[in-house]
Amino acid sequence: MKHATSIALDGLEPLLRELRAVDGLTERRRGVFSLHSSAFPHFHEDAAGFFADLRLGPGWVRLPATSAADRRTLVRKVKAALRTGSQRADD
């Protein structure tokens, strides 16, 4: 699965804007965010749609990011990880 291209990220721009507004996240480059010095969410694309890799706990979790519901879940998990300060969000 390849990293999301600039054109693909255009389709994710509303989600990217929402993530940019989350306190504690830094956008290293378009669509690639970090928390402190660690990579946090970044995006992939393939024929099945968009996906976000999100560091939760010791490893990465791949979450769908195609539908509005997928994107709400992703933002909720990002915010939960920031609230706990542990980069772990299981809700």
PDB file of N, CA and C in Angstrom:
ATOM      1  N   MET A   1       0.861  -1.174   0.000  1.00  0.00           N
ATOM      2  CA  MET A   1       0.000   0.000   0.000  1.00  0.00           C
ATOM      3  C   MET A   1       0.903   1.232   0.000  1.00  0.00           C
ATOM      4  N   LYS A   2       0.661   2.119  -0.926  1.00  0.00           N
ATOM      5  CA  LYS A   2       1.540   3.287  -1.048  1.00  0.00           C
ATOM      6  C   LYS A   2       1.066   4.450  -0.175  1.00  0.00           C
ATOM      7  N   HIS A   3       2.007   5.305   0.159  1.00  0.00           N
ATOM      8  CA  HIS A   3       1.657   6.524   0.890  1.00  0.00           C
ATOM      9  C   HIS A   3       0.763   7.375   0.014  1.00  0.00           C
ATOM     10  N   ALA A   4      -0.120   8.117   0.630  1.00  0.00           N
ATOM     11  CA  ALA A   4      -1.063   8.957  -0.109  1.00  0.00           C
ATOM     12  C   ALA A   4      -0.314  10.031  -0.894  1.00  0.00           C
ATOM     13  N   THR A   5      -0.701  10.170  -2.143  1.00  0.00           N
ATOM     14  CA  THR A   5      -0.121  11.198  -3.006  1.00  0.00           C
ATOM     15  C   THR A   5      -0.739  12.554  -2.685  1.00  0.00           C
ATOM     16  N   SER A   6      -0.170  13.582  -3.248  1.00  0.00           N
ATOM     17  CA  SER A   6      -0.703  14.933  -3.059  1.00  0.00           C
ATOM     18  C   SER A   6      -2.145  15.025  -3.547  1.00  0.00           C
ATOM     19  N   ILE A   7      -2.427  14.388  -4.657  1.00  0.00           N
ATOM     20  CA  ILE A   7      -3.799  14.410  -5.191  1.00  0.00           C
ATOM     21  C   ILE A   7      -4.745  13.690  -4.238  1.00  0.00           C
ATOM     22  N   ALA A   8      -4.320  12.557  -3.697  1.00  0.00           N
ATOM     23  CA  ALA A   8      -5.150  11.832  -2.731  1.00  0.00           C
ATOM     24  C   ALA A   8      -5.366  12.666  -1.478  1.00  0.00           C
ATOM     25  N   LEU A   9      -4.319  13.341  -1.025  1.00  0.00           N
ATOM     26  CA  LEU A   9      -4.445  14.178   0.169  1.00  0.00           C
ATOM     27  C   LEU A   9      -5.420  15.331  -0.050  1.00  0.00           C
ATOM     28  N   ASP A  10      -5.569  15.775  -1.298  1.00  0.00           N
ATOM     29  CA  ASP A  10      -6.585  16.791  -1.590  1.00  0.00           C
ATOM     30  C   ASP A  10      -7.959  16.294  -1.151  1.00  0.00           C
ATOM     31  N   GLY A  11      -8.234  15.018  -1.375  1.00  0.00           N
ATOM     32  CA  GLY A  11      -9.511  14.439  -0.964  1.00  0.00           C
ATOM     33  C   GLY A  11      -9.650  14.292   0.540  1.00  0.00           C
ATOM     34  N   LEU A  12      -8.532  14.313   1.239  1.00  0.00           N
ATOM     35  CA  LEU A  12      -8.543  14.206   2.700  1.00  0.00           C
ATOM     36  C   LEU A  12      -8.401  15.557   3.385  1.00  0.00           C
ATOM     37  N   GLU A  13      -8.381  16.631   2.618  1.00  0.00           N
ATOM     38  CA  GLU A  13      -8.095  17.954   3.188  1.00  0.00           C
ATOM     39  C   GLU A  13      -8.991  18.329   4.365  1.00  0.00           C
ATOM     40  N   PRO A  14     -10.307  18.075   4.326  1.00  0.00           N
ATOM     41  CA  PRO A  14     -11.117  18.406   5.520  1.00  0.00           C
ATOM     42  C   PRO A  14     -10.628  17.660   6.766  1.00  0.00           C
ATOM     43  N   LEU A  15     -10.248  16.407   6.625  1.00  0.00           N
ATOM     44  CA  LEU A  15      -9.704  15.638   7.754  1.00  0.00           C
ATOM     45  C   LEU A  15      -8.364  16.209   8.190  1.00  0.00           C
ATOM     46  N   LEU A  16      -7.512  16.557   7.246  1.00  0.00           N
ATOM     47  CA  LEU A  16      -6.206  17.130   7.581  1.00  0.00           C
ATOM     48  C   LEU A  16      -6.377  18.437   8.347  1.00  0.00           C
ATOM     49  N   ARG A  17      -7.333  19.266   7.924  1.00  0.00           N
ATOM     50  CA  ARG A  17      -7.593  20.524   8.639  1.00  0.00           C
ATOM     51  C   ARG A  17      -8.009  20.241  10.077  1.00  0.00           C
ATOM     52  N   GLU A  18      -8.843  19.232  10.252  1.00  0.00           N
ATOM     53  CA  GLU A  18      -9.294  18.883  11.607  1.00  0.00           C
ATOM     54  C   GLU A  18      -8.113  18.400  12.461  1.00  0.00           C
ATOM     55  N   LEU A  19      -7.238  17.605  11.879  1.00  0.00           N
ATOM     56  CA  LEU A  19      -6.068  17.132  12.629  1.00  0.00           C
ATOM     57  C   LEU A  19      -5.095  18.265  12.924  1.00  0.00           C
ATOM     58  N   ARG A  20      -4.949  19.207  12.004  1.00  0.00           N
ATOM     59  CA  ARG A  20      -4.072  20.357  12.250  1.00  0.00           C
ATOM     60  C   ARG A  20      -4.531  21.177  13.445  1.00  0.00           C
ATOM     61  N   ALA A  21      -5.832  21.142  13.712  1.00  0.00           N
ATOM     62  CA  ALA A  21      -6.399  21.918  14.816  1.00  0.00           C
ATOM     63  C   ALA A  21      -6.272  21.207  16.164  1.00  0.00           C
ATOM     64  N   VAL A  22      -5.838  19.963  16.161  1.00  0.00           N
ATOM     65  CA  VAL A  22      -5.707  19.200  17.404  1.00  0.00           C
ATOM     66  C   VAL A  22      -4.432  19.637  18.107  1.00  0.00           C
ATOM     67  N   ASP A  23      -4.601  20.132  19.315  1.00  0.00           N
ATOM     68  CA  ASP A  23      -3.463  20.589  20.128  1.00  0.00           C
ATOM     69  C   ASP A  23      -2.516  19.431  20.403  1.00  0.00           C
ATOM     70  N   GLY A  24      -1.252  19.637  20.145  1.00  0.00           N
ATOM     71  CA  GLY A  24      -0.248  18.621  20.417  1.00  0.00           C
ATOM     72  C   GLY A  24       0.291  17.949  19.172  1.00  0.00           C
ATOM     73  N   LEU A  25      -0.464  17.992  18.068  1.00  0.00           N
ATOM     74  CA  LEU A  25       0.008  17.401  16.823  1.00  0.00           C
ATOM     75  C   LEU A  25       0.776  18.427  16.010  1.00  0.00           C
ATOM     76  N   THR A  26       1.797  17.968  15.334  1.00  0.00           N
ATOM     77  CA  THR A  26       2.570  18.802  14.422  1.00  0.00           C
ATOM     78  C   THR A  26       2.562  18.117  13.064  1.00  0.00           C
ATOM     79  N   GLU A  27       2.279  18.869  12.029  1.00  0.00           N
ATOM     80  CA  GLU A  27       2.304  18.307  10.682  1.00  0.00           C
ATOM     81  C   GLU A  27       3.707  18.487  10.119  1.00  0.00           C
ATOM     82  N   ARG A  28       4.456  17.397  10.025  1.00  0.00           N
ATOM     83  CA  ARG A  28       5.838  17.437   9.534  1.00  0.00           C
ATOM     84  C   ARG A  28       5.885  17.800   8.059  1.00  0.00           C
ATOM     85  N   ARG A  29       5.042  17.139   7.320  1.00  0.00           N
ATOM     86  CA  ARG A  29       4.798  17.478   5.918  1.00  0.00           C
ATOM     87  C   ARG A  29       3.355  17.112   5.665  1.00  0.00           C
ATOM     88  N   ARG A  30       2.820  17.556   4.570  1.00  0.00           N
ATOM     89  CA  ARG A  30       1.382  17.402   4.357  1.00  0.00           C
ATOM     90  C   ARG A  30       0.949  15.945   4.544  1.00  0.00           C
ATOM     91  N   GLY A  31       0.044  15.741   5.499  1.00  0.00           N
ATOM     92  CA  GLY A  31      -0.531  14.433   5.755  1.00  0.00           C
ATOM     93  C   GLY A  31       0.297  13.530   6.658  1.00  0.00           C
ATOM     94  N   VAL A  32       1.417  14.026   7.161  1.00  0.00           N
ATOM     95  CA  VAL A  32       2.269  13.247   8.069  1.00  0.00           C
ATOM     96  C   VAL A  32       2.418  14.040   9.361  1.00  0.00           C
ATOM     97  N   PHE A  33       1.835  13.508  10.426  1.00  0.00           N
ATOM     98  CA  PHE A  33       1.794  14.214  11.703  1.00  0.00           C
ATOM     99  C   PHE A  33       2.710  13.538  12.706  1.00  0.00           C
ATOM    100  N   SER A  34       3.150  14.316  13.683  1.00  0.00           N
ATOM    101  CA  SER A  34       3.950  13.760  14.766  1.00  0.00           C
ATOM    102  C   SER A  34       3.391  14.223  16.102  1.00  0.00           C
ATOM    103  N   LEU A  35       3.686  13.436  17.102  1.00  0.00           N
ATOM    104  CA  LEU A  35       3.357  13.753  18.486  1.00  0.00           C
ATOM    105  C   LEU A  35       4.685  13.736  19.213  1.00  0.00           C
ATOM    106  N   HIS A  36       5.070  14.879  19.762  1.00  0.00           N
ATOM    107  CA  HIS A  36       6.405  15.041  20.324  1.00  0.00           C
ATOM    108  C   HIS A  36       7.396  14.781  19.191  1.00  0.00           C
ATOM    109  N   SER A  37       8.284  13.827  19.338  1.00  0.00           N
ATOM    110  CA  SER A  37       9.243  13.559  18.263  1.00  0.00           C
ATOM    111  C   SER A  37       8.901  12.283  17.493  1.00  0.00           C
ATOM    112  N   SER A  38       7.774  11.658  17.825  1.00  0.00           N
ATOM    113  CA  SER A  38       7.406  10.389  17.187  1.00  0.00           C
ATOM    114  C   SER A  38       6.362  10.586  16.106  1.00  0.00           C
ATOM    115  N   ALA A  39       6.536   9.854  15.027  1.00  0.00           N
ATOM    116  CA  ALA A  39       5.507   9.851  13.984  1.00  0.00           C
ATOM    117  C   ALA A  39       4.206   9.374  14.618  1.00  0.00           C
ATOM    118  N   PHE A  40       3.103   9.931  14.146  1.00  0.00           N
ATOM    119  CA  PHE A  40       1.814   9.556  14.719  1.00  0.00           C
ATOM    120  C   PHE A  40       0.890   9.159  13.580  1.00  0.00           C
ATOM    121  N   PRO A  41      -0.096   9.936  13.127  1.00  0.00           N
ATOM    122  CA  PRO A  41      -0.864   9.468  11.973  1.00  0.00           C
ATOM    123  C   PRO A  41      -0.215   9.906  10.658  1.00  0.00           C
ATOM    124  N   HIS A  42      -0.323   9.016   9.667  1.00  0.00           N
ATOM    125  CA  HIS A  42       0.009   9.340   8.286  1.00  0.00           C
ATOM    126  C   HIS A  42      -0.904   8.490   7.408  1.00  0.00           C
ATOM    127  N   PHE A  43      -0.964   8.799   6.134  1.00  0.00           N
ATOM    128  CA  PHE A  43      -2.012   8.253   5.285  1.00  0.00           C
ATOM    129  C   PHE A  43      -1.474   7.442   4.111  1.00  0.00           C
ATOM    130  N   HIS A  44      -2.287   6.454   3.730  1.00  0.00           N
ATOM    131  CA  HIS A  44      -2.012   5.580   2.592  1.00  0.00           C
ATOM    132  C   HIS A  44      -3.251   5.550   1.706  1.00  0.00           C
ATOM    133  N   GLU A  45      -3.030   5.119   0.470  1.00  0.00           N
ATOM    134  CA  GLU A  45      -4.149   4.950  -0.455  1.00  0.00           C
ATOM    135  C   GLU A  45      -3.945   3.674  -1.248  1.00  0.00           C
ATOM    136  N   ASP A  46      -5.047   3.065  -1.622  1.00  0.00           N
ATOM    137  CA  ASP A  46      -5.041   1.983  -2.595  1.00  0.00           C
ATOM    138  C   ASP A  46      -6.434   1.884  -3.184  1.00  0.00           C
ATOM    139  N   ALA A  47      -6.681   0.867  -3.966  1.00  0.00           N
ATOM    140  CA  ALA A  47      -7.972   0.739  -4.644  1.00  0.00           C
ATOM    141  C   ALA A  47      -9.140   0.645  -3.660  1.00  0.00           C
ATOM    142  N   ALA A  48      -8.880   0.179  -2.444  1.00  0.00           N
ATOM    143  CA  ALA A  48      -9.939   0.056  -1.437  1.00  0.00           C
ATOM    144  C   ALA A  48     -10.264   1.384  -0.768  1.00  0.00           C
ATOM    145  N   GLY A  49      -9.424   2.403  -0.941  1.00  0.00           N
ATOM    146  CA  GLY A  49      -9.694   3.710  -0.353  1.00  0.00           C
ATOM    147  C   GLY A  49      -8.505   4.256   0.410  1.00  0.00           C
ATOM    148  N   PHE A  50      -8.818   5.087   1.389  1.00  0.00           N
ATOM    149  CA  PHE A  50      -7.798   5.732   2.216  1.00  0.00           C
ATOM    150  C   PHE A  50      -7.666   4.996   3.539  1.00  0.00           C
ATOM    151  N   PHE A  51      -6.436   5.007   4.066  1.00  0.00           N
ATOM    152  CA  PHE A  51      -6.151   4.393   5.350  1.00  0.00           C
ATOM    153  C   PHE A  51      -5.189   5.293   6.108  1.00  0.00           C
ATOM    154  N   ALA A  52      -5.284   5.243   7.423  1.00  0.00           N
ATOM    155  CA  ALA A  52      -4.356   5.988   8.274  1.00  0.00           C
ATOM    156  C   ALA A  52      -3.603   4.988   9.129  1.00  0.00           C
ATOM    157  N   ASP A  53      -2.303   5.150   9.198  1.00  0.00           N
ATOM    158  CA  ASP A  53      -1.511   4.398  10.156  1.00  0.00           C
ATOM    159  C   ASP A  53      -1.380   5.286  11.377  1.00  0.00           C
ATOM    160  N   LEU A  54      -1.776   4.762  12.510  1.00  0.00           N
ATOM    161  CA  LEU A  54      -1.786   5.521  13.757  1.00  0.00           C
ATOM    162  C   LEU A  54      -0.991   4.727  14.788  1.00  0.00           C
ATOM    163  N   ARG A  55      -0.010   5.373  15.391  1.00  0.00           N
ATOM    164  CA  ARG A  55       0.796   4.694  16.412  1.00  0.00           C
ATOM    165  C   ARG A  55      -0.021   4.671  17.712  1.00  0.00           C
ATOM    166  N   LEU A  56      -0.396   3.462  18.096  1.00  0.00           N
ATOM    167  CA  LEU A  56      -1.140   3.258  19.346  1.00  0.00           C
ATOM    168  C   LEU A  56      -0.389   2.231  20.166  1.00  0.00           C
ATOM    169  N   GLY A  57       0.066   2.640  21.322  1.00  0.00           N
ATOM    170  CA  GLY A  57       0.858   1.734  22.136  1.00  0.00           C
ATOM    171  C   GLY A  57       2.197   1.478  21.476  1.00  0.00           C
ATOM    172  N   PRO A  58       2.650   0.227  21.486  1.00  0.00           N
ATOM    173  CA  PRO A  58       3.987  -0.062  20.977  1.00  0.00           C
ATOM    174  C   PRO A  58       4.093  -0.153  19.462  1.00  0.00           C
ATOM    175  N   GLY A  59       2.976  -0.185  18.751  1.00  0.00           N
ATOM    176  CA  GLY A  59       3.048  -0.386  17.306  1.00  0.00           C
ATOM    177  C   GLY A  59       2.047   0.450  16.537  1.00  0.00           C
ATOM    178  N   TRP A  60       1.947   0.137  15.266  1.00  0.00           N
ATOM    179  CA  TRP A  60       1.058   0.863  14.360  1.00  0.00           C
ATOM    180  C   TRP A  60      -0.238   0.099  14.175  1.00  0.00           C
ATOM    181  N   VAL A  61      -1.320   0.852  14.048  1.00  0.00           N
ATOM    182  CA  VAL A  61      -2.633   0.304  13.740  1.00  0.00           C
ATOM    183  C   VAL A  61      -3.089   0.975  12.452  1.00  0.00           C
ATOM    184  N   ARG A  62      -3.536   0.185  11.499  1.00  0.00           N
ATOM    185  CA  ARG A  62      -4.054   0.739  10.247  1.00  0.00           C
ATOM    186  C   ARG A  62      -5.573   0.857  10.368  1.00  0.00           C
ATOM    187  N   LEU A  63      -6.068   2.071  10.189  1.00  0.00           N
ATOM    188  CA  LEU A  63      -7.501   2.343  10.289  1.00  0.00           C
ATOM    189  C   LEU A  63      -8.024   2.839   8.953  1.00  0.00           C
ATOM    190  N   PRO A  64      -9.235   2.450   8.580  1.00  0.00           N
ATOM    191  CA  PRO A  64      -9.818   3.005   7.357  1.00  0.00           C
ATOM    192  C   PRO A  64     -10.075   4.497   7.535  1.00  0.00           C
ATOM    193  N   ALA A  65      -9.953   5.243   6.447  1.00  0.00           N
ATOM    194  CA  ALA A  65     -10.178   6.699   6.505  1.00  0.00           C
ATOM    195  C   ALA A  65     -10.917   7.180   5.270  1.00  0.00           C
ATOM    196  N   THR A  66     -11.761   6.324   4.719  1.00  0.00           N
ATOM    197  CA  THR A  66     -12.464   6.673   3.489  1.00  0.00           C
ATOM    198  C   THR A  66     -13.790   7.373   3.776  1.00  0.00           C
ATOM    199  N   SER A  67     -14.600   6.789   4.644  1.00  0.00           N
ATOM    200  CA  SER A  67     -15.931   7.349   4.909  1.00  0.00           C
ATOM    201  C   SER A  67     -15.877   8.407   6.011  1.00  0.00           C
ATOM    202  N   ALA A  68     -16.950   9.164   6.118  1.00  0.00           N
ATOM    203  CA  ALA A  68     -17.064  10.167   7.183  1.00  0.00           C
ATOM    204  C   ALA A  68     -17.000   9.486   8.552  1.00  0.00           C
ATOM    205  N   ALA A  69     -17.626   8.325   8.685  1.00  0.00           N
ATOM    206  CA  ALA A  69     -17.598   7.595   9.959  1.00  0.00           C
ATOM    207  C   ALA A  69     -16.174   7.137  10.276  1.00  0.00           C
ATOM    208  N   ASP A  70     -15.447   6.654   9.259  1.00  0.00           N
ATOM    209  CA  ASP A  70     -14.042   6.259   9.457  1.00  0.00           C
ATOM    210  C   ASP A  70     -13.238   7.435   9.988  1.00  0.00           C
ATOM    211  N   ARG A  71     -13.448   8.592   9.407  1.00  0.00           N
ATOM    212  CA  ARG A  71     -12.671   9.782   9.766  1.00  0.00           C
ATOM    213  C   ARG A  71     -13.003  10.263  11.161  1.00  0.00           C
ATOM    214  N   ARG A  72     -14.273  10.165  11.542  1.00  0.00           N
ATOM    215  CA  ARG A  72     -14.656  10.532  12.917  1.00  0.00           C
ATOM    216  C   ARG A  72     -13.980   9.605  13.920  1.00  0.00           C
ATOM    217  N   THR A  73     -13.962   8.312  13.609  1.00  0.00           N
ATOM    218  CA  THR A  73     -13.306   7.343  14.490  1.00  0.00           C
ATOM    219  C   THR A  73     -11.825   7.654  14.608  1.00  0.00           C
ATOM    220  N   LEU A  74     -11.187   7.966  13.499  1.00  0.00           N
ATOM    221  CA  LEU A  74      -9.762   8.295  13.516  1.00  0.00           C
ATOM    222  C   LEU A  74      -9.489   9.508  14.400  1.00  0.00           C
ATOM    223  N   VAL A  75     -10.248  10.570  14.220  1.00  0.00           N
ATOM    224  CA  VAL A  75     -10.044  11.784  15.021  1.00  0.00           C
ATOM    225  C   VAL A  75     -10.290  11.483  16.495  1.00  0.00           C
ATOM    226  N   ARG A  76     -11.312  10.693  16.789  1.00  0.00           N
ATOM    227  CA  ARG A  76     -11.600  10.328  18.179  1.00  0.00           C
ATOM    228  C   ARG A  76     -10.425   9.566  18.794  1.00  0.00           C
ATOM    229  N   LYS A  77      -9.841   8.642  18.052  1.00  0.00           N
ATOM    230  CA  LYS A  77      -8.702   7.874  18.563  1.00  0.00           C
ATOM    231  C   LYS A  77      -7.466   8.754  18.749  1.00  0.00           C
ATOM    232  N   VAL A  78      -7.240   9.677  17.833  1.00  0.00           N
ATOM    233  CA  VAL A  78      -6.114  10.606  17.974  1.00  0.00           C
ATOM    234  C   VAL A  78      -6.281  11.438  19.239  1.00  0.00           C
ATOM    235  N   LYS A  79      -7.461  12.003  19.434  1.00  0.00           N
ATOM    236  CA  LYS A  79      -7.702  12.839  20.608  1.00  0.00           C
ATOM    237  C   LYS A  79      -7.612  12.036  21.897  1.00  0.00           C
ATOM    238  N   ALA A  80      -8.102  10.796  21.881  1.00  0.00           N
ATOM    239  CA  ALA A  80      -8.025   9.949  23.074  1.00  0.00           C
ATOM    240  C   ALA A  80      -6.571   9.645  23.419  1.00  0.00           C
ATOM    241  N   ALA A  81      -5.755   9.382  22.414  1.00  0.00           N
ATOM    242  CA  ALA A  81      -4.340   9.112  22.657  1.00  0.00           C
ATOM    243  C   ALA A  81      -3.655  10.337  23.243  1.00  0.00           C
ATOM    244  N   LEU A  82      -3.998  11.510  22.770  1.00  0.00           N
ATOM    245  CA  LEU A  82      -3.405  12.737  23.297  1.00  0.00           C
ATOM    246  C   LEU A  82      -3.867  13.002  24.728  1.00  0.00           C
ATOM    247  N   ARG A  83      -5.132  12.705  25.021  1.00  0.00           N
ATOM    248  CA  ARG A  83      -5.653  12.904  26.381  1.00  0.00           C
ATOM    249  C   ARG A  83      -4.923  12.037  27.386  1.00  0.00           C
ATOM    250  N   THR A  84      -4.668  10.799  27.021  1.00  0.00           N
ATOM    251  CA  THR A  84      -4.028   9.879  27.950  1.00  0.00           C
ATOM    252  C   THR A  84      -2.523  10.090  28.003  1.00  0.00           C
ATOM    253  N   GLY A  85      -1.983  10.735  26.974  1.00  0.00           N
ATOM    254  CA  GLY A  85      -0.553  10.979  26.927  1.00  0.00           C
ATOM    255  C   GLY A  85       0.270   9.735  26.681  1.00  0.00           C
ATOM    256  N   SER A  86      -0.391   8.663  26.323  1.00  0.00           N
ATOM    257  CA  SER A  86       0.328   7.407  26.164  1.00  0.00           C
ATOM    258  C   SER A  86       0.374   6.910  24.732  1.00  0.00           C
ATOM    259  N   GLN A  87      -0.192   7.648  23.825  1.00  0.00           N
ATOM    260  CA  GLN A  87      -0.305   7.223  22.431  1.00  0.00           C
ATOM    261  C   GLN A  87      -1.017   5.882  22.349  1.00  0.00           C
ATOM    262  N   ARG A  88      -1.910   5.627  23.279  1.00  0.00           N
ATOM    263  CA  ARG A  88      -2.690   4.402  23.255  1.00  0.00           C
ATOM    264  C   ARG A  88      -4.150   4.787  23.414  1.00  0.00           C
ATOM    265  N   ALA A  89      -4.964   4.393  22.455  1.00  0.00           N
ATOM    266  CA  ALA A  89      -6.388   4.721  22.500  1.00  0.00           C
ATOM    267  C   ALA A  89      -7.184   3.526  22.029  1.00  0.00           C
ATOM    268  N   ASP A  90      -7.844   2.853  22.929  1.00  0.00           N
ATOM    269  CA  ASP A  90      -8.587   1.655  22.585  1.00  0.00           C
ATOM    270  C   ASP A  90     -10.086   1.863  22.528  1.00  0.00           C
ATOM    271  N   ASP A  91     -10.538   3.102  22.644  1.00  0.00           N
ATOM    272  CA  ASP A  91     -11.995   3.300  22.652  1.00  0.00           C
ATOM    273  C   ASP A  91     -12.557   3.292  21.265  1.00  0.00           C
TER     274      ASP A  91
END
